[in-house]
Amino acid sequence: MFTGLIEEVGEIESTRATATGRDVTVRAPAIAAAAQIGDSIAVNGTCLTVVALGAGTFSCHAGSETLARTTAGDWQRGRRVNLEQALQVGARLGGHFVQGHVDCVGACSGRRAVGETVEFSFTLPEAQAVYLAEKGSVAIDGISLTVTRVSAEGFSVAIIPHTLGHTTLDDMGPGQAVNIEVDILAKYVRRAMGLEASEGEPQGLTEEFLREHGFG
């Protein structure tokens, strides 16, 4: 479990394709110094397990499922990545509950300055869009952010200078792919309401659902 508060921006040192996925080594002096073999670290929002440590680096293995559902397959040497160690019991939860289980890959669709803040807009698949709400939480590349606007095309967030300067968001522009994890609490609420669709079925409120529950 993570909070979405980025502790360090690291840099991909090397990647190597394997029979089962991809080995990734990240240069991150602060986190590497504190990490141990077996620790969970969120790398751009993807929960990975430390399998080796070096001088200022740590290495993880991204399996085929991770490569299929995240941007990890596109990581190359020199790319900056957001890093967060797992939440410790008793620590302050300054962001929101982030599992490090990426729901989908979305894309940045716009960036514009609004006073001292920068507004970013993103697109994502419809299946995940239903979990977003204005003033709700979302994790983008592992960063806990507040949704400022939801539209038919996607959603927007407003980034303050501190967040822009302490994450990889300053590197981001239209067209860039991002890892998106929706709020786990929204998933549970939707499931409890009976709105989680089975495969192939439409999501959201329907006339049939309302009639079954005494409406209309």
C-alpha atoms as a PDB file:
ATOM      1  CA  MET A   1       0.000   0.000   0.000  1.00  0.00           C
ATOM      2  CA  PHE A   2       1.190   3.492  -0.885  1.00  0.00           C
ATOM      3  CA  THR A   3      -0.036   7.082  -0.485  1.00  0.00           C
ATOM      4  CA  GLY A   4       0.813   8.652  -3.829  1.00  0.00           C
ATOM      5  CA  LEU A   5       3.249  11.124  -2.211  1.00  0.00           C
ATOM      6  CA  ILE A   6       6.453  10.894  -4.234  1.00  0.00           C
ATOM      7  CA  GLU A   7       9.615  10.485  -2.149  1.00  0.00           C
ATOM      8  CA  GLU A   8      12.224  10.682  -4.882  1.00  0.00           C
ATOM      9  CA  VAL A   9      12.441  11.076  -8.637  1.00  0.00           C
ATOM     10  CA  GLY A  10      14.781   8.391  -9.912  1.00  0.00           C
ATOM     11  CA  GLU A  11      16.189   7.555 -13.322  1.00  0.00           C
ATOM     12  CA  ILE A  12      16.071   4.324 -15.288  1.00  0.00           C
ATOM     13  CA  GLU A  13      19.657   3.058 -15.408  1.00  0.00           C
ATOM     14  CA  SER A  14      19.077  -0.023 -17.532  1.00  0.00           C
ATOM     15  CA  THR A  15      16.421  -2.436 -18.770  1.00  0.00           C
ATOM     16  CA  ARG A  16      16.768  -5.976 -20.070  1.00  0.00           C
ATOM     17  CA  ALA A  17      14.193  -8.239 -21.686  1.00  0.00           C
ATOM     18  CA  THR A  18      13.912 -11.711 -20.147  1.00  0.00           C
ATOM     19  CA  ALA A  19      11.886 -14.829 -20.873  1.00  0.00           C
ATOM     20  CA  THR A  20       9.320 -13.789 -18.245  1.00  0.00           C
ATOM     21  CA  GLY A  21       9.251 -10.008 -18.618  1.00  0.00           C
ATOM     22  CA  ARG A  22      11.768  -7.229 -18.112  1.00  0.00           C
ATOM     23  CA  ASP A  23      14.479  -6.476 -15.552  1.00  0.00           C
ATOM     24  CA  VAL A  24      14.663  -2.807 -14.580  1.00  0.00           C
ATOM     25  CA  THR A  25      17.413  -1.028 -12.649  1.00  0.00           C
ATOM     26  CA  VAL A  26      16.641   2.408 -11.210  1.00  0.00           C
ATOM     27  CA  ARG A  27      19.157   4.950  -9.937  1.00  0.00           C
ATOM     28  CA  ALA A  28      17.718   6.508  -6.784  1.00  0.00           C
ATOM     29  CA  PRO A  29      20.322   7.139  -4.052  1.00  0.00           C
ATOM     30  CA  ALA A  30      17.922   7.954  -1.202  1.00  0.00           C
ATOM     31  CA  ILE A  31      15.484   5.092  -1.714  1.00  0.00           C
ATOM     32  CA  ALA A  32      18.200   2.588  -2.594  1.00  0.00           C
ATOM     33  CA  ALA A  33      19.980   3.386   0.665  1.00  0.00           C
ATOM     34  CA  ALA A  34      16.840   2.608   2.676  1.00  0.00           C
ATOM     35  CA  ALA A  35      15.595  -0.372   0.655  1.00  0.00           C
ATOM     36  CA  GLN A  36      16.033  -4.058   1.347  1.00  0.00           C
ATOM     37  CA  ILE A  37      15.651  -7.084  -0.884  1.00  0.00           C
ATOM     38  CA  GLY A  38      11.962  -7.983  -1.055  1.00  0.00           C
ATOM     39  CA  ASP A  39      10.690  -4.443  -0.411  1.00  0.00           C
ATOM     40  CA  SER A  40       7.834  -3.062  -2.494  1.00  0.00           C
ATOM     41  CA  ILE A  41       8.510   0.194  -4.327  1.00  0.00           C
ATOM     42  CA  ALA A  42       6.055   2.043  -6.549  1.00  0.00           C
ATOM     43  CA  VAL A  43       7.834   2.990  -9.772  1.00  0.00           C
ATOM     44  CA  ASN A  44       5.629   5.413 -11.719  1.00  0.00           C
ATOM     45  CA  GLY A  45       2.720   3.956  -9.791  1.00  0.00           C
ATOM     46  CA  THR A  46       3.581   0.328 -10.515  1.00  0.00           C
ATOM     47  CA  CYS A  47       4.256  -1.793  -7.434  1.00  0.00           C
ATOM     48  CA  LEU A  48       7.506  -3.693  -8.025  1.00  0.00           C
ATOM     49  CA  THR A  49       9.611  -5.890  -5.730  1.00  0.00           C
ATOM     50  CA  VAL A  50      13.281  -5.139  -5.102  1.00  0.00           C
ATOM     51  CA  VAL A  51      15.361  -8.135  -6.251  1.00  0.00           C
ATOM     52  CA  ALA A  52      18.833  -6.575  -6.120  1.00  0.00           C
ATOM     53  CA  LEU A  53      20.625  -3.539  -4.711  1.00  0.00           C
ATOM     54  CA  GLY A  54      23.673  -1.661  -5.953  1.00  0.00           C
ATOM     55  CA  ALA A  55      25.537   1.549  -5.214  1.00  0.00           C
ATOM     56  CA  GLY A  56      22.681   4.035  -5.351  1.00  0.00           C
ATOM     57  CA  THR A  57      20.479   1.695  -7.391  1.00  0.00           C
ATOM     58  CA  PHE A  58      17.816  -0.954  -6.966  1.00  0.00           C
ATOM     59  CA  SER A  59      16.584  -3.550  -9.449  1.00  0.00           C
ATOM     60  CA  CYS A  60      13.127  -5.050  -9.990  1.00  0.00           C
ATOM     61  CA  HIS A  61      11.482  -7.482 -12.368  1.00  0.00           C
ATOM     62  CA  ALA A  62       8.349  -6.501 -14.289  1.00  0.00           C
ATOM     63  CA  GLY A  63       6.410  -9.592 -15.344  1.00  0.00           C
ATOM     64  CA  SER A  64       4.427 -10.025 -18.537  1.00  0.00           C
ATOM     65  CA  GLU A  65       1.148  -8.988 -16.830  1.00  0.00           C
ATOM     66  CA  THR A  66       2.752  -5.756 -15.609  1.00  0.00           C
ATOM     67  CA  LEU A  67       4.157  -5.018 -19.053  1.00  0.00           C
ATOM     68  CA  ALA A  68       0.722  -5.547 -20.610  1.00  0.00           C
ATOM     69  CA  ARG A  69      -1.108  -3.228 -18.204  1.00  0.00           C
ATOM     70  CA  THR A  70       1.388  -0.412 -17.587  1.00  0.00           C
ATOM     71  CA  THR A  71       3.920   1.770 -19.355  1.00  0.00           C
ATOM     72  CA  ALA A  72       6.822  -0.302 -17.965  1.00  0.00           C
ATOM     73  CA  GLY A  73       7.519  -1.838 -21.359  1.00  0.00           C
ATOM     74  CA  ASP A  74       8.353   1.629 -22.713  1.00  0.00           C
ATOM     75  CA  TRP A  75      10.843   2.574 -19.998  1.00  0.00           C
ATOM     76  CA  GLN A  76      14.302   3.264 -21.392  1.00  0.00           C
ATOM     77  CA  ARG A  77      17.634   4.346 -19.950  1.00  0.00           C
ATOM     78  CA  GLY A  78      17.551   7.977 -18.803  1.00  0.00           C
ATOM     79  CA  ARG A  79      13.785   8.184 -18.220  1.00  0.00           C
ATOM     80  CA  ARG A  80      12.830   9.863 -14.962  1.00  0.00           C
ATOM     81  CA  VAL A  81      10.359   7.967 -12.775  1.00  0.00           C
ATOM     82  CA  ASN A  82       8.369   8.729  -9.626  1.00  0.00           C
ATOM     83  CA  LEU A  83       9.282   6.579  -6.625  1.00  0.00           C
ATOM     84  CA  GLU A  84       7.589   5.805  -3.330  1.00  0.00           C
ATOM     85  CA  GLN A  85       8.323   3.188  -0.694  1.00  0.00           C
ATOM     86  CA  ALA A  86       5.484   1.193   0.845  1.00  0.00           C
ATOM     87  CA  LEU A  87       3.431   2.898   3.560  1.00  0.00           C
ATOM     88  CA  GLN A  88       4.529   2.095   7.110  1.00  0.00           C
ATOM     89  CA  VAL A  89       1.955   1.352   9.791  1.00  0.00           C
ATOM     90  CA  GLY A  90       1.416   4.487  11.876  1.00  0.00           C
ATOM     91  CA  ALA A  91       2.692   6.862   9.198  1.00  0.00           C
ATOM     92  CA  ARG A  92       0.628   9.843   8.115  1.00  0.00           C
ATOM     93  CA  LEU A  93      -1.575   9.279   5.087  1.00  0.00           C
ATOM     94  CA  GLY A  94      -1.112  12.567   3.274  1.00  0.00           C
ATOM     95  CA  GLY A  95      -2.364  11.414  -0.126  1.00  0.00           C
ATOM     96  CA  HIS A  96      -4.887   8.596  -0.560  1.00  0.00           C
ATOM     97  CA  PHE A  97      -4.840   4.804  -0.534  1.00  0.00           C
ATOM     98  CA  VAL A  98      -2.809   3.740  -3.583  1.00  0.00           C
ATOM     99  CA  GLN A  99      -2.239   0.036  -4.187  1.00  0.00           C
ATOM    100  CA  GLY A 100       0.341   0.263  -6.928  1.00  0.00           C
ATOM    101  CA  HIS A 101      -1.969  -1.875  -9.077  1.00  0.00           C
ATOM    102  CA  VAL A 102      -2.333   0.134 -12.277  1.00  0.00           C
ATOM    103  CA  ASP A 103      -5.857  -0.019 -13.717  1.00  0.00           C
ATOM    104  CA  CYS A 104      -5.101   1.247 -17.186  1.00  0.00           C
ATOM    105  CA  VAL A 105      -2.791   3.244 -19.391  1.00  0.00           C
ATOM    106  CA  GLY A 106      -4.150   6.681 -20.249  1.00  0.00           C
ATOM    107  CA  ALA A 107      -2.672   9.626 -22.097  1.00  0.00           C
ATOM    108  CA  CYS A 108      -2.016  13.296 -21.442  1.00  0.00           C
ATOM    109  CA  SER A 109      -4.296  15.248 -23.777  1.00  0.00           C
ATOM    110  CA  GLY A 110      -3.438  18.802 -22.787  1.00  0.00           C
ATOM    111  CA  ARG A 111      -1.339  21.098 -20.619  1.00  0.00           C
ATOM    112  CA  ARG A 112      -1.901  24.794 -19.903  1.00  0.00           C
ATOM    113  CA  ALA A 113      -0.813  27.340 -17.338  1.00  0.00           C
ATOM    114  CA  VAL A 114      -3.561  28.750 -15.106  1.00  0.00           C
ATOM    115  CA  GLY A 115      -1.996  31.386 -12.877  1.00  0.00           C
ATOM    116  CA  GLU A 116       0.641  29.696 -10.732  1.00  0.00           C
ATOM    117  CA  THR A 117      -0.773  26.238 -11.388  1.00  0.00           C
ATOM    118  CA  VAL A 118      -0.636  24.004 -14.455  1.00  0.00           C
ATOM    119  CA  GLU A 119      -3.771  22.198 -15.603  1.00  0.00           C
ATOM    120  CA  PHE A 120      -3.260  18.788 -17.176  1.00  0.00           C
ATOM    121  CA  SER A 121      -6.003  16.881 -18.961  1.00  0.00           C
ATOM    122  CA  PHE A 122      -6.015  13.125 -19.525  1.00  0.00           C
ATOM    123  CA  THR A 123      -7.974  10.535 -21.452  1.00  0.00           C
ATOM    124  CA  LEU A 124      -8.596   6.990 -20.239  1.00  0.00           C
ATOM    125  CA  PRO A 125     -10.764   3.979 -21.129  1.00  0.00           C
ATOM    126  CA  GLU A 126     -14.484   4.274 -20.385  1.00  0.00           C
ATOM    127  CA  ALA A 127     -14.364   1.238 -18.080  1.00  0.00           C
ATOM    128  CA  GLN A 128     -12.165   3.180 -15.645  1.00  0.00           C
ATOM    129  CA  ALA A 129     -13.680   6.627 -16.263  1.00  0.00           C
ATOM    130  CA  VAL A 130     -16.809   5.647 -14.294  1.00  0.00           C
ATOM    131  CA  TYR A 131     -14.739   5.633 -11.079  1.00  0.00           C
ATOM    132  CA  LEU A 132     -13.738   9.289 -11.372  1.00  0.00           C
ATOM    133  CA  ALA A 133     -15.576  12.150  -9.710  1.00  0.00           C
ATOM    134  CA  GLU A 134     -14.891  15.857  -9.290  1.00  0.00           C
ATOM    135  CA  LYS A 135     -12.821  16.408  -6.116  1.00  0.00           C
ATOM    136  CA  GLY A 136     -12.134  12.669  -5.974  1.00  0.00           C
ATOM    137  CA  SER A 137      -8.684  11.082  -5.978  1.00  0.00           C
ATOM    138  CA  VAL A 138      -6.677   9.492  -8.778  1.00  0.00           C
ATOM    139  CA  ALA A 139      -3.070   8.331  -9.078  1.00  0.00           C
ATOM    140  CA  ILE A 140      -1.206   9.325 -12.243  1.00  0.00           C
ATOM    141  CA  ASP A 141       2.221   7.721 -12.612  1.00  0.00           C
ATOM    142  CA  GLY A 142       2.015   7.089  -8.873  1.00  0.00           C
ATOM    143  CA  ILE A 143       1.191  10.689  -7.904  1.00  0.00           C
ATOM    144  CA  SER A 144      -1.863  11.237  -5.697  1.00  0.00           C
ATOM    145  CA  LEU A 145      -3.902  13.986  -7.344  1.00  0.00           C
ATOM    146  CA  THR A 146      -7.333  15.558  -6.975  1.00  0.00           C
ATOM    147  CA  VAL A 147      -9.677  15.499  -9.953  1.00  0.00           C
ATOM    148  CA  THR A 148     -10.792  19.047 -10.774  1.00  0.00           C
ATOM    149  CA  ARG A 149     -13.052  18.299 -13.719  1.00  0.00           C
ATOM    150  CA  VAL A 150     -14.620  15.264 -15.391  1.00  0.00           C
ATOM    151  CA  SER A 151     -15.824  15.375 -18.979  1.00  0.00           C
ATOM    152  CA  ALA A 152     -16.916  12.982 -21.705  1.00  0.00           C
ATOM    153  CA  GLU A 153     -13.342  13.001 -23.015  1.00  0.00           C
ATOM    154  CA  GLY A 154     -11.581  12.360 -19.704  1.00  0.00           C
ATOM    155  CA  PHE A 155     -10.575  14.417 -16.669  1.00  0.00           C
ATOM    156  CA  SER A 156      -8.342  17.247 -15.506  1.00  0.00           C
ATOM    157  CA  VAL A 157      -6.093  17.965 -12.530  1.00  0.00           C
ATOM    158  CA  ALA A 158      -4.479  21.196 -11.304  1.00  0.00           C
ATOM    159  CA  ILE A 159      -0.809  20.966 -10.326  1.00  0.00           C
ATOM    160  CA  ILE A 160       0.794  23.361  -7.862  1.00  0.00           C
ATOM    161  CA  PRO A 161       4.450  24.421  -8.339  1.00  0.00           C
ATOM    162  CA  HIS A 162       5.729  22.150  -5.529  1.00  0.00           C
ATOM    163  CA  THR A 163       4.219  19.017  -7.089  1.00  0.00           C
ATOM    164  CA  LEU A 164       5.423  20.031 -10.542  1.00  0.00           C
ATOM    165  CA  GLY A 165       8.968  20.459  -9.257  1.00  0.00           C
ATOM    166  CA  HIS A 166       9.119  17.269  -7.195  1.00  0.00           C
ATOM    167  CA  THR A 167       7.648  14.774  -9.667  1.00  0.00           C
ATOM    168  CA  THR A 168       7.996  13.891 -13.339  1.00  0.00           C
ATOM    169  CA  LEU A 169       4.955  16.005 -14.275  1.00  0.00           C
ATOM    170  CA  ASP A 170       7.193  18.822 -15.489  1.00  0.00           C
ATOM    171  CA  ASP A 171       8.460  16.417 -18.189  1.00  0.00           C
ATOM    172  CA  MET A 172       4.931  15.666 -19.400  1.00  0.00           C
ATOM    173  CA  GLY A 173       3.242  16.892 -22.544  1.00  0.00           C
ATOM    174  CA  PRO A 174       0.304  15.952 -24.781  1.00  0.00           C
ATOM    175  CA  GLY A 175       0.424  12.425 -26.141  1.00  0.00           C
ATOM    176  CA  GLN A 176       2.508  10.945 -23.334  1.00  0.00           C
ATOM    177  CA  ALA A 177       1.220   7.639 -21.959  1.00  0.00           C
ATOM    178  CA  VAL A 178       0.642   7.462 -18.196  1.00  0.00           C
ATOM    179  CA  ASN A 179      -0.214   4.822 -15.611  1.00  0.00           C
ATOM    180  CA  ILE A 180      -3.600   5.456 -14.006  1.00  0.00           C
ATOM    181  CA  GLU A 181      -4.954   3.911 -10.810  1.00  0.00           C
ATOM    182  CA  VAL A 182      -8.462   4.929  -9.800  1.00  0.00           C
ATOM    183  CA  ASP A 183      -9.481   5.258  -6.150  1.00  0.00           C
ATOM    184  CA  ILE A 184      -9.921   1.814  -4.547  1.00  0.00           C
ATOM    185  CA  LEU A 185     -12.730   3.208  -2.366  1.00  0.00           C
ATOM    186  CA  ALA A 186     -14.682   4.162  -5.493  1.00  0.00           C
ATOM    187  CA  LYS A 187     -14.346   0.574  -6.722  1.00  0.00           C
ATOM    188  CA  TYR A 188     -15.742  -0.865  -3.495  1.00  0.00           C
ATOM    189  CA  VAL A 189     -18.635   1.606  -3.400  1.00  0.00           C
ATOM    190  CA  ARG A 190     -19.541   0.845  -6.988  1.00  0.00           C
ATOM    191  CA  ARG A 191     -19.422  -2.899  -6.348  1.00  0.00           C
ATOM    192  CA  ALA A 192     -21.527  -2.573  -3.164  1.00  0.00           C
ATOM    193  CA  MET A 193     -24.157  -0.700  -5.186  1.00  0.00           C
ATOM    194  CA  GLY A 194     -24.302  -3.514  -7.707  1.00  0.00           C
ATOM    195  CA  LEU A 195     -22.986  -1.309 -10.485  1.00  0.00           C
ATOM    196  CA  GLU A 196     -19.873  -3.296 -11.299  1.00  0.00           C
ATOM    197  CA  ALA A 197     -20.575  -4.844 -14.673  1.00  0.00           C
ATOM    198  CA  SER A 198     -19.679  -8.328 -15.731  1.00  0.00           C
ATOM    199  CA  GLU A 199     -17.585  -8.769 -18.838  1.00  0.00           C
ATOM    200  CA  GLY A 200     -19.540  -7.718 -21.907  1.00  0.00           C
ATOM    201  CA  GLU A 201     -22.280  -5.955 -19.932  1.00  0.00           C
ATOM    202  CA  PRO A 202     -22.822  -2.170 -19.894  1.00  0.00           C
ATOM    203  CA  GLN A 203     -21.691  -0.236 -16.831  1.00  0.00           C
ATOM    204  CA  GLY A 204     -23.615   2.457 -14.998  1.00  0.00           C
ATOM    205  CA  LEU A 205     -27.244   3.009 -14.054  1.00  0.00           C
ATOM    206  CA  THR A 206     -29.806   1.425 -16.372  1.00  0.00           C
ATOM    207  CA  GLU A 207     -33.613   1.417 -16.480  1.00  0.00           C
ATOM    208  CA  GLU A 208     -33.590  -2.286 -15.649  1.00  0.00           C
ATOM    209  CA  PHE A 209     -31.380  -1.731 -12.586  1.00  0.00           C
ATOM    210  CA  LEU A 210     -33.641   1.070 -11.296  1.00  0.00           C
ATOM    211  CA  ARG A 211     -36.810  -0.993 -11.797  1.00  0.00           C
ATOM    212  CA  GLU A 212     -35.255  -3.980  -9.973  1.00  0.00           C
ATOM    213  CA  HIS A 213     -34.505  -1.729  -6.995  1.00  0.00           C
ATOM    214  CA  GLY A 214     -37.956  -0.139  -6.740  1.00  0.00           C
ATOM    215  CA  PHE A 215     -37.509   2.996  -8.843  1.00  0.00           C
ATOM    216  CA  GLY A 216     -40.002   3.824 -11.582  1.00  0.00           C
END
